N, C-alpha and C. Protein backbone atom coordinates (compact mmCIF):
# COMPACT_ATOMS: atom_id res chain seq x y z
N MET A 1 -20.93 27.88 -56.43
CA MET A 1 -20.30 27.50 -55.14
C MET A 1 -20.08 26.10 -54.97
N ALA A 2 -18.73 25.82 -54.83
CA ALA A 2 -18.33 24.65 -54.71
C ALA A 2 -18.49 23.77 -53.39
N VAL A 3 -19.06 22.44 -53.18
CA VAL A 3 -19.35 21.85 -52.00
C VAL A 3 -18.39 20.84 -51.70
N SER A 4 -17.84 20.88 -50.58
CA SER A 4 -17.07 19.92 -50.29
C SER A 4 -17.51 18.61 -50.11
N PRO A 5 -16.76 17.48 -50.52
CA PRO A 5 -17.31 16.10 -50.46
C PRO A 5 -17.55 15.68 -49.00
N ALA A 6 -16.83 16.14 -48.08
CA ALA A 6 -17.24 15.85 -46.55
C ALA A 6 -18.38 16.20 -46.10
N ALA A 7 -18.83 17.48 -46.50
CA ALA A 7 -19.85 18.21 -45.99
C ALA A 7 -21.20 17.54 -46.50
N PRO A 8 -22.32 17.48 -45.80
CA PRO A 8 -23.58 17.25 -46.33
C PRO A 8 -24.17 18.21 -47.54
N ALA A 9 -24.74 17.61 -48.52
CA ALA A 9 -25.17 18.51 -49.70
C ALA A 9 -26.16 19.60 -49.22
N ASP A 10 -27.28 19.34 -48.34
CA ASP A 10 -28.25 20.01 -48.05
C ASP A 10 -28.44 19.86 -46.36
N VAL A 11 -28.03 20.96 -45.81
CA VAL A 11 -28.02 20.84 -44.28
C VAL A 11 -29.35 21.01 -43.82
N GLY A 12 -30.23 21.58 -44.53
CA GLY A 12 -31.57 21.87 -44.09
C GLY A 12 -32.43 20.51 -44.16
N SER A 13 -32.07 19.57 -44.77
CA SER A 13 -32.70 18.26 -44.96
C SER A 13 -32.29 17.38 -43.66
N LEU A 14 -31.28 17.69 -42.96
CA LEU A 14 -30.97 16.93 -41.68
C LEU A 14 -31.90 17.45 -40.59
N SER A 15 -32.15 16.38 -39.68
CA SER A 15 -33.02 16.65 -38.76
C SER A 15 -32.10 17.29 -37.44
N PRO A 16 -32.79 18.27 -36.65
CA PRO A 16 -32.12 18.90 -35.62
C PRO A 16 -31.36 17.79 -34.69
N ALA A 17 -31.98 16.66 -34.38
CA ALA A 17 -31.36 15.62 -33.62
C ALA A 17 -29.90 15.49 -34.01
N THR A 18 -29.67 15.26 -35.27
CA THR A 18 -28.38 14.89 -35.72
C THR A 18 -27.38 16.00 -35.75
N LEU A 19 -27.85 17.18 -35.82
CA LEU A 19 -27.02 18.33 -35.84
C LEU A 19 -26.53 18.64 -34.40
N GLN A 20 -27.27 18.25 -33.44
CA GLN A 20 -26.78 18.46 -32.00
C GLN A 20 -25.61 17.41 -31.50
N ARG A 21 -24.93 18.01 -30.32
CA ARG A 21 -23.97 17.08 -29.92
C ARG A 21 -24.34 15.79 -29.34
N PRO A 22 -23.53 14.78 -29.06
CA PRO A 22 -23.97 13.60 -28.52
C PRO A 22 -24.42 13.76 -27.21
N TYR A 23 -25.48 12.92 -26.59
CA TYR A 23 -25.91 13.35 -25.13
C TYR A 23 -24.77 12.92 -24.14
N ARG A 24 -24.44 13.91 -23.20
CA ARG A 24 -23.54 13.55 -22.11
C ARG A 24 -24.29 13.45 -20.94
N PRO A 25 -24.41 12.73 -20.02
CA PRO A 25 -24.87 12.84 -18.61
C PRO A 25 -24.57 13.85 -17.91
N PRO A 26 -25.18 14.50 -16.98
CA PRO A 26 -24.87 15.61 -16.00
C PRO A 26 -23.53 14.93 -15.23
N LEU A 27 -22.80 15.85 -14.61
CA LEU A 27 -21.81 15.55 -13.77
C LEU A 27 -21.94 14.52 -12.68
N TYR A 28 -23.14 14.96 -11.92
CA TYR A 28 -23.48 14.20 -10.89
C TYR A 28 -23.86 12.60 -11.22
N CYS A 29 -24.08 12.27 -12.55
CA CYS A 29 -24.15 10.96 -12.80
C CYS A 29 -23.09 10.42 -13.57
N GLN A 30 -22.01 11.05 -13.79
CA GLN A 30 -20.67 10.29 -14.56
C GLN A 30 -20.01 9.72 -13.42
N ILE A 31 -19.42 8.58 -13.51
CA ILE A 31 -18.61 7.70 -12.61
C ILE A 31 -17.09 8.23 -12.75
N MET A 32 -16.32 8.65 -11.71
CA MET A 32 -15.19 8.96 -11.84
C MET A 32 -14.33 7.59 -11.75
N THR A 33 -13.02 7.70 -12.44
CA THR A 33 -12.09 6.42 -12.62
C THR A 33 -11.49 6.23 -11.37
N GLN A 34 -11.34 5.07 -10.87
CA GLN A 34 -10.73 4.78 -9.48
C GLN A 34 -9.45 4.10 -9.88
N LYS A 35 -8.48 4.67 -9.00
CA LYS A 35 -7.23 4.15 -9.09
C LYS A 35 -6.90 2.68 -8.29
N ARG A 36 -7.63 2.61 -7.19
CA ARG A 36 -7.69 1.42 -6.40
C ARG A 36 -9.01 0.89 -6.24
N ARG A 37 -9.32 -0.46 -6.02
CA ARG A 37 -10.58 -1.13 -5.87
C ARG A 37 -11.14 -0.44 -4.40
N ASN A 38 -10.30 -0.22 -3.38
CA ASN A 38 -10.97 0.22 -2.27
C ASN A 38 -10.76 1.75 -1.97
N ASN A 39 -10.15 2.33 -2.90
CA ASN A 39 -9.71 3.81 -2.81
C ASN A 39 -8.78 4.13 -1.90
N GLY A 40 -7.96 3.08 -1.63
CA GLY A 40 -6.76 3.40 -0.72
C GLY A 40 -7.05 3.30 0.70
N ARG A 41 -8.44 2.74 1.08
CA ARG A 41 -8.95 2.69 2.56
C ARG A 41 -9.50 1.44 2.59
N SER A 42 -9.73 0.94 3.95
CA SER A 42 -10.51 -0.23 4.26
C SER A 42 -11.48 0.07 5.38
N LYS A 43 -12.40 1.03 4.92
CA LYS A 43 -13.52 1.22 5.92
C LYS A 43 -15.00 1.04 5.47
N HIS A 44 -14.84 0.02 4.70
CA HIS A 44 -16.26 -0.44 3.74
C HIS A 44 -17.43 -0.24 4.80
N GLY A 45 -18.34 0.71 4.40
CA GLY A 45 -19.62 0.67 5.24
C GLY A 45 -19.43 1.84 6.33
N ARG A 46 -18.33 2.02 6.63
CA ARG A 46 -18.13 3.04 7.89
C ARG A 46 -18.11 4.36 7.39
N GLY A 47 -18.78 5.29 7.96
CA GLY A 47 -18.73 6.62 7.50
C GLY A 47 -17.42 7.50 7.75
N HIS A 48 -17.01 7.31 9.03
CA HIS A 48 -15.90 8.09 9.63
C HIS A 48 -15.05 6.98 10.46
N VAL A 49 -13.83 7.47 10.25
CA VAL A 49 -12.72 6.50 11.15
C VAL A 49 -11.78 7.41 11.76
N LYS A 50 -11.57 6.97 13.17
CA LYS A 50 -10.79 7.82 14.00
C LYS A 50 -9.48 7.95 13.57
N PRO A 51 -8.83 9.12 13.35
CA PRO A 51 -7.23 9.22 12.85
C PRO A 51 -6.21 8.66 13.83
N VAL A 52 -5.05 8.30 13.48
CA VAL A 52 -3.83 7.97 14.09
C VAL A 52 -2.75 8.69 13.52
N ARG A 53 -1.78 8.90 14.58
CA ARG A 53 -0.80 9.73 14.17
C ARG A 53 0.35 8.90 13.49
N CYS A 54 0.95 9.43 12.51
CA CYS A 54 2.04 8.58 11.98
C CYS A 54 3.48 8.73 12.79
N SER A 55 4.05 7.56 12.91
CA SER A 55 4.95 7.31 13.77
C SER A 55 6.28 7.92 13.43
N ASN A 56 6.31 8.32 12.04
CA ASN A 56 7.51 9.01 11.65
C ASN A 56 7.47 10.54 11.54
N CYS A 57 6.35 11.19 10.94
CA CYS A 57 6.13 12.60 11.19
C CYS A 57 4.91 13.19 11.85
N ALA A 58 4.41 12.30 12.56
CA ALA A 58 3.09 12.65 13.33
C ALA A 58 1.83 13.36 12.47
N ARG A 59 1.76 13.03 11.28
CA ARG A 59 0.67 13.30 10.59
C ARG A 59 -0.46 12.56 10.92
N CYS A 60 -1.77 13.07 10.77
CA CYS A 60 -2.98 12.62 11.23
C CYS A 60 -3.43 11.73 9.96
N VAL A 61 -3.66 10.49 10.25
CA VAL A 61 -4.04 9.66 9.01
C VAL A 61 -5.22 8.74 9.44
N PRO A 62 -6.21 8.76 8.77
CA PRO A 62 -7.38 7.71 9.33
C PRO A 62 -6.62 6.41 9.50
N LYS A 63 -7.14 5.82 10.30
CA LYS A 63 -6.64 4.55 10.97
C LYS A 63 -6.66 3.46 9.94
N ASP A 64 -7.77 3.38 9.14
CA ASP A 64 -7.90 2.28 7.96
C ASP A 64 -6.93 2.54 6.81
N LYS A 65 -6.40 3.90 6.72
CA LYS A 65 -5.73 4.19 5.54
C LYS A 65 -4.21 4.04 6.04
N ALA A 66 -3.80 4.09 7.11
CA ALA A 66 -2.39 4.04 7.74
C ALA A 66 -1.81 2.64 7.31
N ILE A 67 -0.68 2.56 7.12
CA ILE A 67 0.25 1.40 6.87
C ILE A 67 0.59 1.12 8.18
N LYS A 68 0.15 -0.17 8.60
CA LYS A 68 0.51 -0.66 9.94
C LYS A 68 1.36 -1.99 10.00
N ARG A 69 2.51 -1.73 10.56
CA ARG A 69 3.41 -2.88 10.83
C ARG A 69 3.76 -3.17 12.29
N PHE A 70 4.43 -4.17 12.56
CA PHE A 70 4.70 -4.54 13.94
C PHE A 70 6.31 -4.56 13.88
N LEU A 71 6.76 -3.86 14.83
CA LEU A 71 8.30 -3.90 15.17
C LEU A 71 8.61 -4.62 16.17
N ILE A 72 9.38 -5.87 15.92
CA ILE A 72 9.49 -6.78 16.97
C ILE A 72 11.06 -6.68 17.17
N ARG A 73 11.37 -6.27 18.41
CA ARG A 73 13.00 -6.25 19.05
C ARG A 73 12.99 -6.86 20.21
N ASN A 74 14.23 -7.34 20.63
CA ASN A 74 14.35 -7.98 21.88
C ASN A 74 14.47 -6.72 22.98
N MET A 75 13.96 -6.86 24.20
CA MET A 75 13.68 -5.96 25.21
C MET A 75 15.32 -5.51 25.68
N VAL A 76 16.36 -6.53 25.46
CA VAL A 76 17.68 -6.25 25.82
C VAL A 76 18.37 -5.94 24.80
N GLU A 77 19.37 -5.09 24.74
CA GLU A 77 20.17 -4.77 23.35
C GLU A 77 21.06 -6.01 23.43
N GLN A 78 21.65 -6.00 22.39
CA GLN A 78 22.59 -7.30 21.89
C GLN A 78 23.79 -7.23 22.88
N ALA A 79 24.32 -5.98 23.16
CA ALA A 79 25.56 -6.07 24.07
C ALA A 79 25.18 -6.64 25.66
N ALA A 80 24.11 -6.39 26.07
CA ALA A 80 23.83 -6.94 27.45
C ALA A 80 23.32 -8.07 27.58
N ILE A 81 23.09 -8.79 26.37
CA ILE A 81 22.57 -10.31 26.56
C ILE A 81 23.43 -11.30 27.03
N ARG A 82 24.77 -11.08 26.81
CA ARG A 82 25.87 -11.96 27.16
C ARG A 82 25.99 -11.99 28.79
N ASP A 83 25.95 -10.84 29.30
CA ASP A 83 26.10 -10.27 30.62
C ASP A 83 24.91 -10.98 31.36
N LEU A 84 23.81 -10.93 30.70
CA LEU A 84 22.45 -11.49 31.51
C LEU A 84 22.47 -12.74 31.48
N SER A 85 23.01 -13.47 30.41
CA SER A 85 23.20 -15.06 30.45
C SER A 85 23.96 -15.71 31.49
N GLU A 86 25.30 -15.17 31.41
CA GLU A 86 26.15 -15.31 32.39
C GLU A 86 25.69 -15.00 33.98
N ALA A 87 25.09 -14.10 34.28
CA ALA A 87 24.38 -13.90 35.50
C ALA A 87 23.27 -14.54 35.91
N SER A 88 22.55 -15.20 34.81
CA SER A 88 21.32 -15.79 35.24
C SER A 88 21.51 -17.22 35.74
N VAL A 89 20.34 -17.60 36.58
CA VAL A 89 20.43 -19.01 37.27
C VAL A 89 20.03 -19.97 36.21
N PHE A 90 19.17 -19.60 35.15
CA PHE A 90 18.58 -20.45 34.20
C PHE A 90 19.44 -20.71 33.08
N GLU A 91 19.53 -22.00 32.71
CA GLU A 91 20.19 -22.30 31.56
C GLU A 91 19.72 -21.70 30.16
N GLU A 92 18.60 -22.03 29.76
CA GLU A 92 18.08 -21.51 28.70
C GLU A 92 16.85 -20.49 28.99
N TYR A 93 17.23 -19.40 29.12
CA TYR A 93 16.18 -18.25 29.51
C TYR A 93 15.78 -17.57 28.09
N ALA A 94 14.51 -17.58 27.53
CA ALA A 94 13.98 -16.62 26.65
C ALA A 94 13.80 -15.42 27.00
N LEU A 95 14.55 -14.53 26.40
CA LEU A 95 14.23 -13.23 26.59
C LEU A 95 13.18 -12.72 26.15
N PRO A 96 12.08 -11.80 26.71
CA PRO A 96 11.14 -11.18 26.05
C PRO A 96 11.52 -10.14 24.92
N LYS A 97 10.44 -10.42 24.15
CA LYS A 97 10.52 -9.32 23.10
C LYS A 97 9.54 -8.19 23.18
N LEU A 98 9.79 -7.15 22.48
CA LEU A 98 9.18 -5.96 22.49
C LEU A 98 8.33 -5.78 21.25
N TYR A 99 7.03 -5.75 21.12
CA TYR A 99 6.07 -5.73 20.12
C TYR A 99 5.43 -4.34 20.07
N ILE A 100 5.89 -3.46 19.06
CA ILE A 100 5.39 -2.16 18.81
C ILE A 100 4.73 -1.92 17.56
N LYS A 101 3.65 -1.57 17.44
CA LYS A 101 2.85 -1.41 16.39
C LYS A 101 3.19 -0.01 15.78
N MET A 102 3.49 0.08 14.59
CA MET A 102 3.72 1.34 14.05
C MET A 102 2.84 1.67 13.08
N HIS A 103 2.32 2.82 12.96
CA HIS A 103 1.41 3.47 12.05
C HIS A 103 2.19 4.31 11.06
N TYR A 104 1.99 4.28 9.88
CA TYR A 104 2.90 5.20 8.97
C TYR A 104 1.85 5.84 7.86
N CYS A 105 1.95 7.02 7.61
CA CYS A 105 1.30 7.64 6.48
C CYS A 105 1.80 7.18 5.11
N VAL A 106 1.19 7.06 4.08
CA VAL A 106 1.37 6.69 2.75
C VAL A 106 2.65 7.17 2.15
N SER A 107 2.92 8.64 2.43
CA SER A 107 4.12 9.13 1.99
C SER A 107 5.56 8.67 2.91
N CYS A 108 5.19 8.63 3.96
CA CYS A 108 6.33 8.23 5.03
C CYS A 108 6.55 6.61 4.60
N ALA A 109 5.74 5.87 4.45
CA ALA A 109 5.82 4.38 4.12
C ALA A 109 6.61 4.08 2.68
N ILE A 110 6.24 5.18 1.90
CA ILE A 110 6.94 5.03 0.50
C ILE A 110 8.34 5.57 0.83
N HIS A 111 8.54 6.53 1.36
CA HIS A 111 9.79 7.15 1.41
C HIS A 111 10.96 6.12 2.28
N SER A 112 10.44 5.37 3.26
CA SER A 112 11.26 4.53 4.10
C SER A 112 11.32 2.93 3.45
N LYS A 113 10.44 2.80 2.31
CA LYS A 113 10.45 1.50 1.64
C LYS A 113 9.99 0.43 2.26
N ILE A 114 8.79 0.91 3.15
CA ILE A 114 7.85 -0.26 3.99
C ILE A 114 7.07 -0.41 2.76
N VAL A 115 6.49 0.20 1.90
CA VAL A 115 5.74 -0.39 0.99
C VAL A 115 6.52 0.19 -0.42
N ARG A 116 6.14 -0.32 -1.50
CA ARG A 116 6.67 0.13 -2.85
C ARG A 116 5.48 0.43 -3.90
N VAL A 117 5.83 1.45 -4.77
CA VAL A 117 4.83 1.89 -5.68
C VAL A 117 4.73 0.61 -6.63
N ARG A 118 3.54 0.36 -7.07
CA ARG A 118 3.33 -0.84 -7.79
C ARG A 118 2.45 -0.39 -9.19
N SER A 119 2.59 -0.99 -10.40
CA SER A 119 1.98 -0.72 -11.52
C SER A 119 0.60 -0.99 -11.53
N VAL A 120 -0.06 -0.87 -12.55
CA VAL A 120 -1.41 -0.95 -12.56
C VAL A 120 -1.85 -2.44 -12.55
N ALA A 121 -1.14 -3.37 -13.21
CA ALA A 121 -1.49 -4.71 -13.08
C ALA A 121 -0.94 -5.19 -11.62
N GLY A 122 0.15 -4.65 -11.39
CA GLY A 122 0.84 -4.99 -9.92
C GLY A 122 -0.45 -4.74 -8.59
N ARG A 123 -1.15 -3.65 -8.87
CA ARG A 123 -2.14 -3.17 -7.89
C ARG A 123 -3.25 -4.35 -7.80
N LYS A 124 -3.62 -4.94 -8.81
CA LYS A 124 -4.76 -5.97 -8.88
C LYS A 124 -4.15 -7.15 -7.99
N ASP A 125 -3.00 -7.54 -7.93
CA ASP A 125 -2.51 -8.65 -7.13
C ASP A 125 -2.67 -8.47 -5.74
N ARG A 126 -3.58 -9.25 -5.01
CA ARG A 126 -3.89 -8.90 -3.69
C ARG A 126 -3.35 -10.11 -2.71
N ALA A 127 -2.49 -10.84 -3.32
CA ALA A 127 -1.74 -12.00 -2.49
C ALA A 127 -0.88 -11.06 -1.65
N PRO A 128 -0.45 -11.80 -0.55
CA PRO A 128 0.43 -11.04 0.56
C PRO A 128 1.91 -11.28 -0.21
N PRO A 129 2.78 -10.39 -0.09
CA PRO A 129 4.13 -10.49 -0.54
C PRO A 129 4.73 -11.66 0.23
N GLN A 130 5.88 -12.45 -0.46
CA GLN A 130 6.73 -13.77 0.07
C GLN A 130 7.32 -13.15 1.41
N ARG A 131 7.14 -14.00 2.53
CA ARG A 131 7.77 -13.73 3.71
C ARG A 131 9.49 -13.83 3.51
N PHE A 132 10.16 -12.83 3.94
CA PHE A 132 11.59 -13.13 3.87
C PHE A 132 12.11 -13.50 5.29
N ARG A 133 12.64 -14.87 5.14
CA ARG A 133 13.14 -15.47 6.41
C ARG A 133 14.60 -15.27 6.40
N GLY A 134 15.22 -14.40 7.33
CA GLY A 134 16.78 -13.84 7.29
C GLY A 134 17.68 -14.98 7.68
N PHE A 135 17.71 -15.42 9.13
CA PHE A 135 18.47 -16.28 9.60
C PHE A 135 17.70 -17.38 9.99
N GLN A 136 18.44 -18.56 9.95
CA GLN A 136 17.80 -19.91 10.41
C GLN A 136 19.03 -20.61 10.97
N LYS A 137 18.57 -21.03 12.31
CA LYS A 137 19.73 -21.68 13.29
C LYS A 137 20.11 -23.05 12.77
N ASP A 138 19.24 -23.84 12.30
CA ASP A 138 19.50 -25.05 11.77
C ASP A 138 19.86 -25.42 10.50
N ALA A 139 20.01 -24.25 9.65
CA ALA A 139 20.27 -24.35 8.20
C ALA A 139 21.87 -24.68 8.16
N LYS A 140 21.96 -25.67 7.11
CA LYS A 140 23.43 -25.97 6.75
C LYS A 140 23.98 -25.06 5.71
N LYS A 141 25.14 -24.56 5.81
CA LYS A 141 25.70 -23.59 4.94
C LYS A 141 26.36 -24.68 3.81
N PRO A 142 26.20 -24.05 2.77
CA PRO A 142 27.04 -24.90 1.55
C PRO A 142 28.39 -24.61 1.52
N VAL A 143 29.23 -25.77 1.42
CA VAL A 143 30.76 -25.51 1.64
C VAL A 143 31.17 -25.44 0.13
N ALA A 144 31.77 -24.67 -0.11
CA ALA A 144 32.55 -24.36 -1.52
C ALA A 144 33.73 -25.50 -1.72
N PRO A 145 33.74 -26.06 -2.82
CA PRO A 145 34.86 -27.16 -3.03
C PRO A 145 36.08 -26.54 -3.20
N LYS A 146 37.04 -27.05 -2.40
CA LYS A 146 38.54 -26.75 -2.65
C LYS A 146 39.26 -26.99 -3.75
N ALA A 147 39.78 -26.21 -4.33
CA ALA A 147 40.55 -26.43 -5.66
C ALA A 147 41.96 -26.54 -5.53
């Protein structure tokens, strides 16, 4: 009988410990992998958090998991601002703004591009994104040279 070179010559000489599978701890001792450092929530130490409703689809979302954004709008629509300024006694009257706190579930926030999907390396970046400043009153517009 020919013995293959990979197999040991005498199996009986090996101890039973080497023939067994390597030790694997039971399931309750194994640590699952984490996608995010905070598991997608910010409830550190709290057992339960009250739910809020998504502003878009009315889904119940834990308050710490919901994506929260402030919607800042003028109380008066753009068409009526001129009428108010003409009828007003005051020269420079600052119109009040409407501040609404919007709560979104994760799927609605991704769908409406409030948050974006980030790579594994991008998820580790905890710095807030750069603020986008749209319109500035005092900014000088560059003039193109006439040819």
